[in-house]
Amino acid sequence: KWVFGSNFDYSTFDFDRDQDKMDSLLAPILNANNPDLEPLKK
């Protein structure tokens, strides 16, 4: 809903194009995928 609006319809979601759009907007702020934990270790 944040990306496609409050009337988001799951039935129309495109796992290629729409996934790319969501990732471009939200992955940098929502995903904690960085495997570099060296600062924590140090």
Full PDB file with SEQRES, HELIX, SHEET, SSBOND, CRYST1, ORIGX, SCALE, CONECT and MASTER records, all heavy atoms in Angstrom:
SEQRES   1 A   42  LYS TRP VAL PHE GLY SER ASN PHE ASP TYR SER THR PHE          
SEQRES   2 A   42  ASP PHE ASP ARG ASP GLN ASP LYS MET ASP SER LEU LEU          
SEQRES   3 A   42  ALA PRO ILE LEU ASN ALA ASN ASN PRO ASP LEU GLU PRO          
SEQRES   4 A   42  LEU LYS LYS                                                  
HELIX    1 AA1 TYR A   10  THR A   12  5                                   3    
HELIX    2 AA2 ARG A   17  LEU A   30  1                                  14    
HELIX    3 AA3 GLU A   38  LYS A   41  1                                   4    
CRYST1    1.000    1.000    1.000  90.00  90.00  90.00 P 1           1          
ORIGX1      1.000000  0.000000  0.000000        0.00000                         
ORIGX2      0.000000  1.000000  0.000000        0.00000                         
ORIGX3      0.000000  0.000000  1.000000        0.00000                         
SCALE1      1.000000  0.000000  0.000000        0.00000                         
SCALE2      0.000000  1.000000  0.000000        0.00000                         
SCALE3      0.000000  0.000000  1.000000        0.00000                         
ATOM      1  N   LYS A   1       0.833  -1.208   0.000  1.00  0.00           N  
ATOM      2  CA  LYS A   1       0.000   0.000   0.000  1.00  0.00           C  
ATOM      3  C   LYS A   1       0.861   1.250   0.000  1.00  0.00           C  
ATOM      4  O   LYS A   1       0.506   2.257  -0.612  1.00  0.00           O  
ATOM      5  CB  LYS A   1      -0.931  -0.026   1.211  1.00  0.00           C  
ATOM      6  CG  LYS A   1      -1.952  -1.152   1.164  1.00  0.00           C  
ATOM      7  CD  LYS A   1      -2.887  -1.133   2.365  1.00  0.00           C  
ATOM      8  CE  LYS A   1      -3.887  -2.273   2.284  1.00  0.00           C  
ATOM      9  NZ  LYS A   1      -4.842  -2.250   3.422  1.00  0.00           N  
ATOM     10  N   TRP A   2       2.004   1.212   0.690  1.00  0.00           N  
ATOM     11  CA  TRP A   2       2.908   2.352   0.682  1.00  0.00           C  
ATOM     12  C   TRP A   2       3.367   2.663  -0.742  1.00  0.00           C  
ATOM     13  O   TRP A   2       3.478   3.830  -1.124  1.00  0.00           O  
ATOM     14  CB  TRP A   2       4.137   2.077   1.548  1.00  0.00           C  
ATOM     15  CG  TRP A   2       3.853   1.916   3.002  1.00  0.00           C  
ATOM     16  CD1 TRP A   2       2.656   2.096   3.641  1.00  0.00           C  
ATOM     17  CD2 TRP A   2       4.790   1.516   4.014  1.00  0.00           C  
ATOM     18  NE1 TRP A   2       2.780   1.841   4.983  1.00  0.00           N  
ATOM     19  CE2 TRP A   2       4.081   1.491   5.241  1.00  0.00           C  
ATOM     20  CE3 TRP A   2       6.132   1.182   4.005  1.00  0.00           C  
ATOM     21  CZ2 TRP A   2       4.693   1.148   6.449  1.00  0.00           C  
ATOM     22  CZ3 TRP A   2       6.741   0.833   5.198  1.00  0.00           C  
ATOM     23  CH2 TRP A   2       6.036   0.819   6.407  1.00  0.00           C  
ATOM     24  N   VAL A   3       3.610   1.629  -1.534  1.00  0.00           N  
ATOM     25  CA  VAL A   3       4.149   1.816  -2.885  1.00  0.00           C  
ATOM     26  C   VAL A   3       3.042   1.995  -3.929  1.00  0.00           C  
ATOM     27  O   VAL A   3       3.142   2.866  -4.800  1.00  0.00           O  
ATOM     28  CB  VAL A   3       5.048   0.620  -3.272  1.00  0.00           C  
ATOM     29  CG1 VAL A   3       5.490   0.713  -4.726  1.00  0.00           C  
ATOM     30  CG2 VAL A   3       6.260   0.549  -2.352  1.00  0.00           C  
ATOM     31  N   PHE A   4       1.975   1.181  -3.840  1.00  0.00           N  
ATOM     32  CA  PHE A   4       0.966   1.159  -4.895  1.00  0.00           C  
ATOM     33  C   PHE A   4      -0.348   1.838  -4.505  1.00  0.00           C  
ATOM     34  O   PHE A   4      -1.269   1.895  -5.318  1.00  0.00           O  
ATOM     35  CB  PHE A   4       0.691  -0.291  -5.311  1.00  0.00           C  
ATOM     36  CG  PHE A   4       1.909  -1.018  -5.795  1.00  0.00           C  
ATOM     37  CD1 PHE A   4       2.504  -2.000  -5.018  1.00  0.00           C  
ATOM     38  CD2 PHE A   4       2.488  -0.703  -7.015  1.00  0.00           C  
ATOM     39  CE1 PHE A   4       3.640  -2.673  -5.450  1.00  0.00           C  
ATOM     40  CE2 PHE A   4       3.628  -1.370  -7.460  1.00  0.00           C  
ATOM     41  CZ  PHE A   4       4.206  -2.350  -6.681  1.00  0.00           C  
ATOM     42  N   GLY A   5      -0.433   2.351  -3.273  1.00  0.00           N  
ATOM     43  CA  GLY A   5      -1.628   3.062  -2.851  1.00  0.00           C  
ATOM     44  C   GLY A   5      -2.506   2.222  -1.940  1.00  0.00           C  
ATOM     45  O   GLY A   5      -2.408   0.995  -1.893  1.00  0.00           O  
ATOM     46  N   SER A   6      -3.386   2.893  -1.219  1.00  0.00           N  
ATOM     47  CA  SER A   6      -4.203   2.231  -0.201  1.00  0.00           C  
ATOM     48  C   SER A   6      -5.188   1.224  -0.785  1.00  0.00           C  
ATOM     49  O   SER A   6      -5.714   0.383  -0.061  1.00  0.00           O  
ATOM     50  CB  SER A   6      -4.945   3.267   0.635  1.00  0.00           C  
ATOM     51  OG  SER A   6      -5.734   4.096  -0.202  1.00  0.00           O  
ATOM     52  N   ASN A   7      -5.458   1.291  -2.081  1.00  0.00           N  
ATOM     53  CA  ASN A   7      -6.381   0.349  -2.725  1.00  0.00           C  
ATOM     54  C   ASN A   7      -5.641  -0.796  -3.403  1.00  0.00           C  
ATOM     55  O   ASN A   7      -6.181  -1.412  -4.330  1.00  0.00           O  
ATOM     56  CB  ASN A   7      -7.256   1.085  -3.749  1.00  0.00           C  
ATOM     57  CG  ASN A   7      -8.187   2.084  -3.092  1.00  0.00           C  
ATOM     58  OD1 ASN A   7      -8.744   1.820  -2.019  1.00  0.00           O  
ATOM     59  ND2 ASN A   7      -8.357   3.237  -3.715  1.00  0.00           N  
ATOM     60  N   PHE A   8      -4.435  -1.091  -2.958  1.00  0.00           N  
ATOM     61  CA  PHE A   8      -3.648  -2.177  -3.547  1.00  0.00           C  
ATOM     62  C   PHE A   8      -4.469  -3.465  -3.653  1.00  0.00           C  
ATOM     63  O   PHE A   8      -5.144  -3.875  -2.704  1.00  0.00           O  
ATOM     64  CB  PHE A   8      -2.401  -2.431  -2.699  1.00  0.00           C  
ATOM     65  CG  PHE A   8      -1.686  -3.708  -3.041  1.00  0.00           C  
ATOM     66  CD1 PHE A   8      -0.934  -3.798  -4.202  1.00  0.00           C  
ATOM     67  CD2 PHE A   8      -1.767  -4.815  -2.210  1.00  0.00           C  
ATOM     68  CE1 PHE A   8      -0.270  -4.981  -4.530  1.00  0.00           C  
ATOM     69  CE2 PHE A   8      -1.109  -5.996  -2.523  1.00  0.00           C  
ATOM     70  CZ  PHE A   8      -0.364  -6.078  -3.687  1.00  0.00           C  
ATOM     71  N   ASP A   9      -4.392  -4.083  -4.831  1.00  0.00           N  
ATOM     72  CA  ASP A   9      -5.102  -5.335  -5.106  1.00  0.00           C  
ATOM     73  C   ASP A   9      -4.062  -6.423  -5.353  1.00  0.00           C  
ATOM     74  O   ASP A   9      -3.351  -6.401  -6.361  1.00  0.00           O  
ATOM     75  CB  ASP A   9      -6.009  -5.153  -6.322  1.00  0.00           C  
ATOM     76  CG  ASP A   9      -6.779  -6.419  -6.682  1.00  0.00           C  
ATOM     77  OD1 ASP A   9      -6.621  -7.440  -5.977  1.00  0.00           O  
ATOM     78  OD2 ASP A   9      -7.524  -6.383  -7.678  1.00  0.00           O  
ATOM     79  N   TYR A  10      -3.955  -7.364  -4.421  1.00  0.00           N  
ATOM     80  CA  TYR A  10      -2.942  -8.414  -4.540  1.00  0.00           C  
ATOM     81  C   TYR A  10      -3.074  -9.195  -5.843  1.00  0.00           C  
ATOM     82  O   TYR A  10      -2.089  -9.700  -6.396  1.00  0.00           O  
ATOM     83  CB  TYR A  10      -3.022  -9.367  -3.345  1.00  0.00           C  
ATOM     84  CG  TYR A  10      -4.117 -10.408  -3.472  1.00  0.00           C  
ATOM     85  CD1 TYR A  10      -3.855 -11.652  -4.036  1.00  0.00           C  
ATOM     86  CD2 TYR A  10      -5.418 -10.140  -3.055  1.00  0.00           C  
ATOM     87  CE1 TYR A  10      -4.851 -12.605  -4.175  1.00  0.00           C  
ATOM     88  CE2 TYR A  10      -6.412 -11.077  -3.188  1.00  0.00           C  
ATOM     89  CZ  TYR A  10      -6.136 -12.310  -3.756  1.00  0.00           C  
ATOM     90  OH  TYR A  10      -7.126 -13.243  -3.899  1.00  0.00           O  
ATOM     91  N   SER A  11      -4.299  -9.309  -6.362  1.00  0.00           N  
ATOM     92  CA  SER A  11      -4.532 -10.146  -7.535  1.00  0.00           C  
ATOM     93  C   SER A  11      -3.865  -9.599  -8.788  1.00  0.00           C  
ATOM     94  O   SER A  11      -3.658 -10.329  -9.760  1.00  0.00           O  
ATOM     95  CB  SER A  11      -6.036 -10.317  -7.772  1.00  0.00           C  
ATOM     96  OG  SER A  11      -6.638  -9.090  -8.152  1.00  0.00           O  
ATOM     97  N   THR A  12      -3.506  -8.320  -8.782  1.00  0.00           N  
ATOM     98  CA  THR A  12      -2.880  -7.716  -9.961  1.00  0.00           C  
ATOM     99  C   THR A  12      -1.363  -7.593  -9.827  1.00  0.00           C  
ATOM    100  O   THR A  12      -0.715  -7.088 -10.740  1.00  0.00           O  
ATOM    101  CB  THR A  12      -3.466  -6.305 -10.209  1.00  0.00           C  
ATOM    102  OG1 THR A  12      -3.100  -5.442  -9.118  1.00  0.00           O  
ATOM    103  CG2 THR A  12      -4.986  -6.361 -10.331  1.00  0.00           C  
ATOM    104  N   PHE A  13      -0.794  -8.044  -8.713  1.00  0.00           N  
ATOM    105  CA  PHE A  13       0.639  -7.857  -8.478  1.00  0.00           C  
ATOM    106  C   PHE A  13       1.461  -8.638  -9.491  1.00  0.00           C  
ATOM    107  O   PHE A  13       1.252  -9.835  -9.699  1.00  0.00           O  
ATOM    108  CB  PHE A  13       1.002  -8.299  -7.056  1.00  0.00           C  
ATOM    109  CG  PHE A  13       2.442  -8.055  -6.692  1.00  0.00           C  
ATOM    110  CD1 PHE A  13       2.878  -6.786  -6.359  1.00  0.00           C  
ATOM    111  CD2 PHE A  13       3.358  -9.094  -6.693  1.00  0.00           C  
ATOM    112  CE1 PHE A  13       4.207  -6.547  -6.023  1.00  0.00           C  
ATOM    113  CE2 PHE A  13       4.686  -8.875  -6.355  1.00  0.00           C  
ATOM    114  CZ  PHE A  13       5.107  -7.593  -6.028  1.00  0.00           C  
ATOM    115  N   ASP A  14       2.416  -7.960 -10.125  1.00  0.00           N  
ATOM    116  CA  ASP A  14       3.318  -8.568 -11.086  1.00  0.00           C  
ATOM    117  C   ASP A  14       4.643  -8.861 -10.383  1.00  0.00           C  
ATOM    118  O   ASP A  14       5.320  -7.944  -9.911  1.00  0.00           O  
ATOM    119  CB  ASP A  14       3.537  -7.614 -12.262  1.00  0.00           C  
ATOM    120  CG  ASP A  14       4.391  -8.221 -13.365  1.00  0.00           C  
ATOM    121  OD1 ASP A  14       5.557  -8.567 -13.083  1.00  0.00           O  
ATOM    122  OD2 ASP A  14       3.892  -8.341 -14.499  1.00  0.00           O  
ATOM    123  N   PHE A  15       5.022 -10.140 -10.322  1.00  0.00           N  
ATOM    124  CA  PHE A  15       6.207 -10.545  -9.568  1.00  0.00           C  
ATOM    125  C   PHE A  15       7.517 -10.145 -10.258  1.00  0.00           C  
ATOM    126  O   PHE A  15       8.590 -10.377  -9.702  1.00  0.00           O  
ATOM    127  CB  PHE A  15       6.177 -12.051  -9.309  1.00  0.00           C  
ATOM    128  CG  PHE A  15       5.120 -12.470  -8.327  1.00  0.00           C  
ATOM    129  CD1 PHE A  15       3.861 -12.878  -8.766  1.00  0.00           C  
ATOM    130  CD2 PHE A  15       5.358 -12.429  -6.962  1.00  0.00           C  
ATOM    131  CE1 PHE A  15       2.878 -13.255  -7.863  1.00  0.00           C  
ATOM    132  CE2 PHE A  15       4.378 -12.796  -6.051  1.00  0.00           C  
ATOM    133  CZ  PHE A  15       3.128 -13.210  -6.502  1.00  0.00           C  
ATOM    134  N   ASP A  16       7.436  -9.548 -11.403  1.00  0.00           N  
ATOM    135  CA  ASP A  16       8.613  -9.014 -12.077  1.00  0.00           C  
ATOM    136  C   ASP A  16       8.633  -7.493 -11.953  1.00  0.00           C  
ATOM    137  O   ASP A  16       9.400  -6.923 -11.163  1.00  0.00           O  
ATOM    138  CB  ASP A  16       8.605  -9.437 -13.547  1.00  0.00           C  
ATOM    139  CG  ASP A  16       9.782  -8.875 -14.345  1.00  0.00           C  
ATOM    140  OD1 ASP A  16      10.806  -8.509 -13.734  1.00  0.00           O  
ATOM    141  OD2 ASP A  16       9.666  -8.819 -15.585  1.00  0.00           O  
ATOM    142  N   ARG A  17       7.780  -6.840 -12.678  1.00  0.00           N  
ATOM    143  CA  ARG A  17       7.782  -5.371 -12.748  1.00  0.00           C  
ATOM    144  C   ARG A  17       7.444  -4.730 -11.411  1.00  0.00           C  
ATOM    145  O   ARG A  17       8.136  -3.811 -10.950  1.00  0.00           O  
ATOM    146  CB  ARG A  17       6.791  -4.925 -13.817  1.00  0.00           C  
ATOM    147  CG  ARG A  17       6.696  -3.429 -14.036  1.00  0.00           C  
ATOM    148  CD  ARG A  17       5.601  -3.082 -15.035  1.00  0.00           C  
ATOM    149  NE  ARG A  17       4.273  -3.467 -14.563  1.00  0.00           N  
ATOM    150  CZ  ARG A  17       3.587  -4.512 -15.009  1.00  0.00           C  
ATOM    151  NH1 ARG A  17       4.099  -5.283 -15.941  1.00  0.00           N  
ATOM    152  NH2 ARG A  17       2.382  -4.798 -14.534  1.00  0.00           N  
ATOM    153  N   ASP A  18       6.376  -5.191 -10.761  1.00  0.00           N  
ATOM    154  CA  ASP A  18       5.953  -4.573  -9.502  1.00  0.00           C  
ATOM    155  C   ASP A  18       6.944  -4.853  -8.372  1.00  0.00           C  
ATOM    156  O   ASP A  18       7.160  -4.007  -7.496  1.00  0.00           O  
ATOM    157  CB  ASP A  18       4.553  -5.058  -9.109  1.00  0.00           C  
ATOM    158  CG  ASP A  18       3.468  -4.523 -10.042  1.00  0.00           C  
ATOM    159  OD1 ASP A  18       3.732  -3.543 -10.757  1.00  0.00           O  
ATOM    160  OD2 ASP A  18       2.354  -5.100 -10.058  1.00  0.00           O  
ATOM    161  N   GLN A  19       7.547  -6.049  -8.404  1.00  0.00           N  
ATOM    162  CA  GLN A  19       8.559  -6.349  -7.386  1.00  0.00           C  
ATOM    163  C   GLN A  19       9.743  -5.406  -7.503  1.00  0.00           C  
ATOM    164  O   GLN A  19      10.275  -4.909  -6.509  1.00  0.00           O  
ATOM    165  CB  GLN A  19       9.031  -7.794  -7.509  1.00  0.00           C  
ATOM    166  CG  GLN A  19      10.001  -8.242  -6.417  1.00  0.00           C  
ATOM    167  CD  GLN A  19       9.351  -8.300  -5.047  1.00  0.00           C  
ATOM    168  OE1 GLN A  19       8.288  -8.906  -4.884  1.00  0.00           O  
ATOM    169  NE2 GLN A  19       9.965  -7.676  -4.055  1.00  0.00           N  
ATOM    170  N   ASP A  20      10.160  -5.139  -8.748  1.00  0.00           N  
ATOM    171  CA  ASP A  20      11.275  -4.208  -8.958  1.00  0.00           C  
ATOM    172  C   ASP A  20      10.935  -2.811  -8.446  1.00  0.00           C  
ATOM    173  O   ASP A  20      11.789  -2.132  -7.849  1.00  0.00           O  
ATOM    174  CB  ASP A  20      11.629  -4.138 -10.443  1.00  0.00           C  
ATOM    175  CG  ASP A  20      12.440  -5.334 -10.913  1.00  0.00           C  
ATOM    176  OD1 ASP A  20      12.890  -6.117 -10.044  1.00  0.00           O  
ATOM    177  OD2 ASP A  20      12.619  -5.497 -12.132  1.00  0.00           O  
ATOM    178  N   LYS A  21       9.713  -2.385  -8.673  1.00  0.00           N  
ATOM    179  CA  LYS A  21       9.312  -1.051  -8.209  1.00  0.00           C  
ATOM    180  C   LYS A  21       9.340  -0.979  -6.690  1.00  0.00           C  
ATOM    181  O   LYS A  21       9.852  -0.004  -6.113  1.00  0.00           O  
ATOM    182  CB  LYS A  21       7.917  -0.699  -8.730  1.00  0.00           C  
ATOM    183  CG  LYS A  21       7.454   0.693  -8.301  1.00  0.00           C  
ATOM    184  CD  LYS A  21       6.080   1.032  -8.875  1.00  0.00           C  
ATOM    185  CE  LYS A  21       5.632   2.430  -8.441  1.00  0.00           C  
ATOM    186  NZ  LYS A  21       4.300   2.786  -8.986  1.00  0.00           N  
ATOM    187  N   MET A  22       8.799  -2.010  -6.035  1.00  0.00           N  
ATOM    188  CA  MET A  22       8.780  -2.000  -4.579  1.00  0.00           C  
ATOM    189  C   MET A  22      10.200  -2.037  -4.012  1.00  0.00           C  
ATOM    190  O   MET A  22      10.528  -1.311  -3.071  1.00  0.00           O  
ATOM    191  CB  MET A  22       7.966  -3.168  -4.033  1.00  0.00           C  
ATOM    192  CG  MET A  22       7.793  -3.121  -2.518  1.00  0.00           C  
ATOM    193  SD  MET A  22       6.532  -4.244  -1.926  1.00  0.00           S  
ATOM    194  CE  MET A  22       7.319  -5.798  -2.247  1.00  0.00           C  
ATOM    195  N   ASP A  23      11.050  -2.860  -4.620  1.00  0.00           N  
ATOM    196  CA  ASP A  23      12.429  -2.948  -4.146  1.00  0.00           C  
ATOM    197  C   ASP A  23      13.172  -1.627  -4.310  1.00  0.00           C  
ATOM    198  O   ASP A  23      13.975  -1.238  -3.447  1.00  0.00           O  
ATOM    199  CB  ASP A  23      13.172  -4.057  -4.885  1.00  0.00           C  
ATOM    200  CG  ASP A  23      12.827  -5.442  -4.359  1.00  0.00           C  
ATOM    201  OD1 ASP A  23      12.267  -5.527  -3.247  1.00  0.00           O  
ATOM    202  OD2 ASP A  23      13.113  -6.431  -5.049  1.00  0.00           O  
ATOM    203  N   SER A  24      12.909  -0.935  -5.407  1.00  0.00           N  
ATOM    204  CA  SER A  24      13.621   0.316  -5.641  1.00  0.00           C  
ATOM    205  C   SER A  24      13.281   1.362  -4.589  1.00  0.00           C  
ATOM    206  O   SER A  24      14.124   2.182  -4.213  1.00  0.00           O  
ATOM    207  CB  SER A  24      13.306   0.854  -7.035  1.00  0.00           C  
ATOM    208  OG  SER A  24      11.943   1.270  -7.137  1.00  0.00           O  
ATOM    209  N   LEU A  25      12.051   1.322  -4.080  1.00  0.00           N  
ATOM    210  CA  LEU A  25      11.611   2.311  -3.092  1.00  0.00           C  
ATOM    211  C   LEU A  25      11.879   1.884  -1.659  1.00  0.00           C  
ATOM    212  O   LEU A  25      12.246   2.710  -0.811  1.00  0.00           O  
ATOM    213  CB  LEU A  25      10.116   2.594  -3.269  1.00  0.00           C  
ATOM    214  CG  LEU A  25       9.694   3.347  -4.532  1.00  0.00           C  
ATOM    215  CD1 LEU A  25       8.170   3.399  -4.638  1.00  0.00           C  
ATOM    216  CD2 LEU A  25      10.261   4.764  -4.526  1.00  0.00           C  
ATOM    217  N   LEU A  26      11.682   0.604  -1.357  1.00  0.00           N  
ATOM    218  CA  LEU A  26      11.663   0.175   0.045  1.00  0.00           C  
ATOM    219  C   LEU A  26      12.846  -0.683   0.476  1.00  0.00           C  
ATOM    220  O   LEU A  26      13.211  -0.677   1.659  1.00  0.00           O  
ATOM    221  CB  LEU A  26      10.365  -0.589   0.344  1.00  0.00           C  
ATOM    222  CG  LEU A  26       9.063   0.208   0.215  1.00  0.00           C  
ATOM    223  CD1 LEU A  26       7.876  -0.662   0.608  1.00  0.00           C  
ATOM    224  CD2 LEU A  26       9.098   1.466   1.069  1.00  0.00           C  
ATOM    225  N   ALA A  27      13.443  -1.439  -0.445  1.00  0.00           N  
ATOM    226  CA  ALA A  27      14.540  -2.321  -0.023  1.00  0.00           C  
ATOM    227  C   ALA A  27      15.673  -1.573   0.682  1.00  0.00           C  
ATOM    228  O   ALA A  27      16.197  -2.059   1.695  1.00  0.00           O  
ATOM    229  CB  ALA A  27      15.079  -3.111  -1.221  1.00  0.00           C  
ATOM    230  N   PRO A  28      16.069  -0.382   0.218  1.00  0.00           N  
ATOM    231  CA  PRO A  28      17.177   0.314   0.907  1.00  0.00           C  
ATOM    232  C   PRO A  28      16.869   0.722   2.342  1.00  0.00           C  
ATOM    233  O   PRO A  28      17.802   0.938   3.127  1.00  0.00           O  
ATOM    234  CB  PRO A  28      17.395   1.550   0.025  1.00  0.00           C  
ATOM    235  CG  PRO A  28      16.858   1.183  -1.314  1.00  0.00           C  
ATOM    236  CD  PRO A  28      15.675   0.323  -1.016  1.00  0.00           C  
ATOM    237  N   ILE A  29      15.582   0.818   2.695  1.00  0.00           N  
ATOM    238  CA  ILE A  29      15.252   1.275   4.048  1.00  0.00           C  
ATOM    239  C   ILE A  29      14.641   0.180   4.924  1.00  0.00           C  
ATOM    240  O   ILE A  29      14.696   0.277   6.155  1.00  0.00           O  
ATOM    241  CB  ILE A  29      14.308   2.500   4.025  1.00  0.00           C  
ATOM    242  CG1 ILE A  29      13.021   2.181   3.270  1.00  0.00           C  
ATOM    243  CG2 ILE A  29      15.008   3.700   3.431  1.00  0.00           C  
ATOM    244  CD1 ILE A  29      12.009   3.319   3.290  1.00  0.00           C  
ATOM    245  N   LEU A  30      14.071  -0.868   4.304  1.00  0.00           N  
ATOM    246  CA  LEU A  30      13.422  -1.911   5.104  1.00  0.00           C  
ATOM    247  C   LEU A  30      14.256  -3.169   5.252  1.00  0.00           C  
ATOM    248  O   LEU A  30      14.099  -3.900   6.242  1.00  0.00           O  
ATOM    249  CB  LEU A  30      12.068  -2.299   4.491  1.00  0.00           C  
ATOM    250  CG  LEU A  30      10.976  -1.238   4.382  1.00  0.00           C  
ATOM    251  CD1 LEU A  30       9.663  -1.895   3.972  1.00  0.00           C  
ATOM    252  CD2 LEU A  30      10.802  -0.468   5.681  1.00  0.00           C  
ATOM    253  N   ASN A  31      15.108  -3.466   4.289  1.00  0.00           N  
ATOM    254  CA  ASN A  31      15.822  -4.738   4.299  1.00  0.00           C  
ATOM    255  C   ASN A  31      17.143  -4.641   5.055  1.00  0.00           C  
ATOM    256  O   ASN A  31      17.954  -3.752   4.783  1.00  0.00           O  
ATOM    257  CB  ASN A  31      16.082  -5.216   2.875  1.00  0.00           C  
ATOM    258  CG  ASN A  31      14.800  -5.584   2.143  1.00  0.00           C  
ATOM    259  OD1 ASN A  31      13.730  -5.640   2.749  1.00  0.00           O  
ATOM    260  ND2 ASN A  31      14.905  -5.836   0.850  1.00  0.00           N  
ATOM    261  N   ALA A  32      17.329  -5.556   5.991  1.00  0.00           N  
ATOM    262  CA  ALA A  32      18.584  -5.635   6.762  1.00  0.00           C  
ATOM    263  C   ALA A  32      19.376  -6.826   6.252  1.00  0.00           C  
ATOM    264  O   ALA A  32      19.543  -7.829   6.955  1.00  0.00           O  
ATOM    265  CB  ALA A  32      18.283  -5.752   8.253  1.00  0.00           C  
ATOM    266  N   ASN A  33      19.850  -6.721   5.028  1.00  0.00           N  
ATOM    267  CA  ASN A  33      20.511  -7.841   4.354  1.00  0.00           C  
ATOM    268  C   ASN A  33      22.027  -7.715   4.271  1.00  0.00           C  
ATOM    269  O   ASN A  33      22.680  -8.579   3.681  1.00  0.00           O  
ATOM    270  CB  ASN A  33      19.954  -7.985   2.925  1.00  0.00           C  
ATOM    271  CG  ASN A  33      18.587  -8.648   2.897  1.00  0.00           C  
ATOM    272  OD1 ASN A  33      18.268  -9.450   3.773  1.00  0.00           O  
ATOM    273  ND2 ASN A  33      17.783  -8.319   1.898  1.00  0.00           N  
ATOM    274  N   ASN A  34      22.594  -6.668   4.841  1.00  0.00           N  
ATOM    275  CA  ASN A  34      24.032  -6.449   4.728  1.00  0.00           C  
ATOM    276  C   ASN A  34      24.798  -7.495   5.541  1.00  0.00           C  
ATOM    277  O   ASN A  34      24.670  -7.549   6.771  1.00  0.00           O  
ATOM    278  CB  ASN A  34      24.372  -5.040   5.221  1.00  0.00           C  
ATOM    279  CG  ASN A  34      25.837  -4.691   5.030  1.00  0.00           C  
ATOM    280  OD1 ASN A  34      26.626  -5.507   4.545  1.00  0.00           O  
ATOM    281  ND2 ASN A  34      26.221  -3.485   5.426  1.00  0.00           N  
ATOM    282  N   PRO A  35      25.634  -8.320   4.892  1.00  0.00           N  
ATOM    283  CA  PRO A  35      26.370  -9.348   5.646  1.00  0.00           C  
ATOM    284  C   PRO A  35      27.651  -8.843   6.299  1.00  0.00           C  
ATOM    285  O   PRO A  35      28.332  -9.612   6.995  1.00  0.00           O  
ATOM    286  CB  PRO A  35      26.688 -10.380   4.566  1.00  0.00           C  
ATOM    287  CG  PRO A  35      26.854  -9.564   3.324  1.00  0.00           C  
ATOM    288  CD  PRO A  35      25.863  -8.432   3.441  1.00  0.00           C  
ATOM    289  N   ASP A  36      27.982  -7.573   6.082  1.00  0.00           N  
ATOM    290  CA  ASP A  36      29.225  -7.033   6.652  1.00  0.00           C  
ATOM    291  C   ASP A  36      28.991  -6.597   8.097  1.00  0.00           C  
ATOM    292  O   ASP A  36      28.486  -5.509   8.368  1.00  0.00           O  
ATOM    293  CB  ASP A  36      29.713  -5.850   5.821  1.00  0.00           C  
ATOM    294  CG  ASP A  36      31.017  -5.267   6.365  1.00  0.00           C  
ATOM    295  OD1 ASP A  36      31.616  -5.888   7.273  1.00  0.00           O  
ATOM    296  OD2 ASP A  36      31.426  -4.193   5.898  1.00  0.00           O  
ATOM    297  N   LEU A  37      29.357  -7.449   9.024  1.00  0.00           N  
ATOM    298  CA  LEU A  37      29.199  -7.159  10.455  1.00  0.00           C  
ATOM    299  C   LEU A  37      30.542  -6.881  11.128  1.00  0.00           C  
ATOM    300  O   LEU A  37      30.652  -6.947  12.356  1.00  0.00           O  
ATOM    301  CB  LEU A  37      28.490  -8.331  11.148  1.00  0.00           C  
ATOM    302  CG  LEU A  37      27.067  -8.628  10.675  1.00  0.00           C  
ATOM    303  CD1 LEU A  37      26.506  -9.849  11.405  1.00  0.00           C  
ATOM    304  CD2 LEU A  37      26.148  -7.436  10.877  1.00  0.00           C  
ATOM    305  N   GLU A  38      31.528  -6.565  10.320  1.00  0.00           N  
ATOM    306  CA  GLU A  38      32.854  -6.324  10.869  1.00  0.00           C  
ATOM    307  C   GLU A  38      32.877  -5.188  11.898  1.00  0.00           C  
ATOM    308  O   GLU A  38      33.568  -5.299  12.923  1.00  0.00           O  
ATOM    309  CB  GLU A  38      33.846  -6.040   9.741  1.00  0.00           C  
ATOM    310  CG  GLU A  38      35.300  -6.052  10.164  1.00  0.00           C  
ATOM    311  CD  GLU A  38      35.797  -7.415  10.654  1.00  0.00           C  
ATOM    312  OE1 GLU A  38      35.139  -8.435  10.337  1.00  0.00           O  
ATOM    313  OE2 GLU A  38      36.827  -7.453  11.341  1.00  0.00           O  
ATOM    314  N   PRO A  39      32.125  -4.080  11.682  1.00  0.00           N  
ATOM    315  CA  PRO A  39      32.119  -3.028  12.712  1.00  0.00           C  
ATOM    316  C   PRO A  39      31.607  -3.518  14.063  1.00  0.00           C  
ATOM    317  O   PRO A  39      32.158  -3.145  15.107  1.00  0.00           O  
ATOM    318  CB  PRO A  39      31.205  -1.959  12.115  1.00  0.00           C  
ATOM    319  CG  PRO A  39      31.334  -2.142  10.638  1.00  0.00           C  
ATOM    320  CD  PRO A  39      31.438  -3.629  10.456  1.00  0.00           C  
ATOM    321  N   LEU A  40      30.581  -4.368  14.055  1.00  0.00           N  
ATOM    322  CA  LEU A  40      30.077  -4.935  15.312  1.00  0.00           C  
ATOM    323  C   LEU A  40      31.133  -5.819  15.956  1.00  0.00           C  
ATOM    324  O   LEU A  40      31.376  -5.748  17.168  1.00  0.00           O  
ATOM    325  CB  LEU A  40      28.804  -5.742  15.054  1.00  0.00           C  
ATOM    326  CG  LEU A  40      28.187  -6.427  16.277  1.00  0.00           C  
ATOM    327  CD1 LEU A  40      27.514  -5.404  17.187  1.00  0.00           C  
ATOM    328  CD2 LEU A  40      27.170  -7.497  15.858  1.00  0.00           C  
ATOM    329  N   LYS A  41      31.784  -6.628  15.155  1.00  0.00           N  
ATOM    330  CA  LYS A  41      32.813  -7.534  15.666  1.00  0.00           C  
ATOM    331  C   LYS A  41      33.984  -6.760  16.259  1.00  0.00           C  
ATOM    332  O   LYS A  41      34.479  -7.086  17.344  1.00  0.00           O  
ATOM    333  CB  LYS A  41      33.286  -8.448  14.542  1.00  0.00           C  
ATOM    334  CG  LYS A  41      34.343  -9.457  14.954  1.00  0.00           C  
ATOM    335  CD  LYS A  41      34.729 -10.351  13.781  1.00  0.00           C  
ATOM    336  CE  LYS A  41      35.737 -11.406  14.197  1.00  0.00           C  
ATOM    337  NZ  LYS A  41      36.092 -12.295  13.056  1.00  0.00           N  
ATOM    338  N   LYS A  42      34.425  -5.703  15.559  1.00  0.00           N  
ATOM    339  CA  LYS A  42      35.578  -4.946  16.014  1.00  0.00           C  
ATOM    340  C   LYS A  42      35.343  -4.237  17.339  1.00  0.00           C  
ATOM    341  O   LYS A  42      36.274  -4.063  18.128  1.00  0.00           O  
ATOM    342  CB  LYS A  42      35.985  -3.934  14.936  1.00  0.00           C  
ATOM    343  CG  LYS A  42      36.731  -4.554  13.773  1.00  0.00           C  
ATOM    344  CD  LYS A  42      37.182  -3.492  12.775  1.00  0.00           C  
ATOM    345  CE  LYS A  42      38.016  -4.102  11.659  1.00  0.00           C  
ATOM    346  NZ  LYS A  42      38.439  -3.087  10.669  1.00  0.00           N  
TER     347      LYS A  42                                                      
MASTER        0    0    0    3    0    0    0    6  346    1    0    4          
END                                                                             
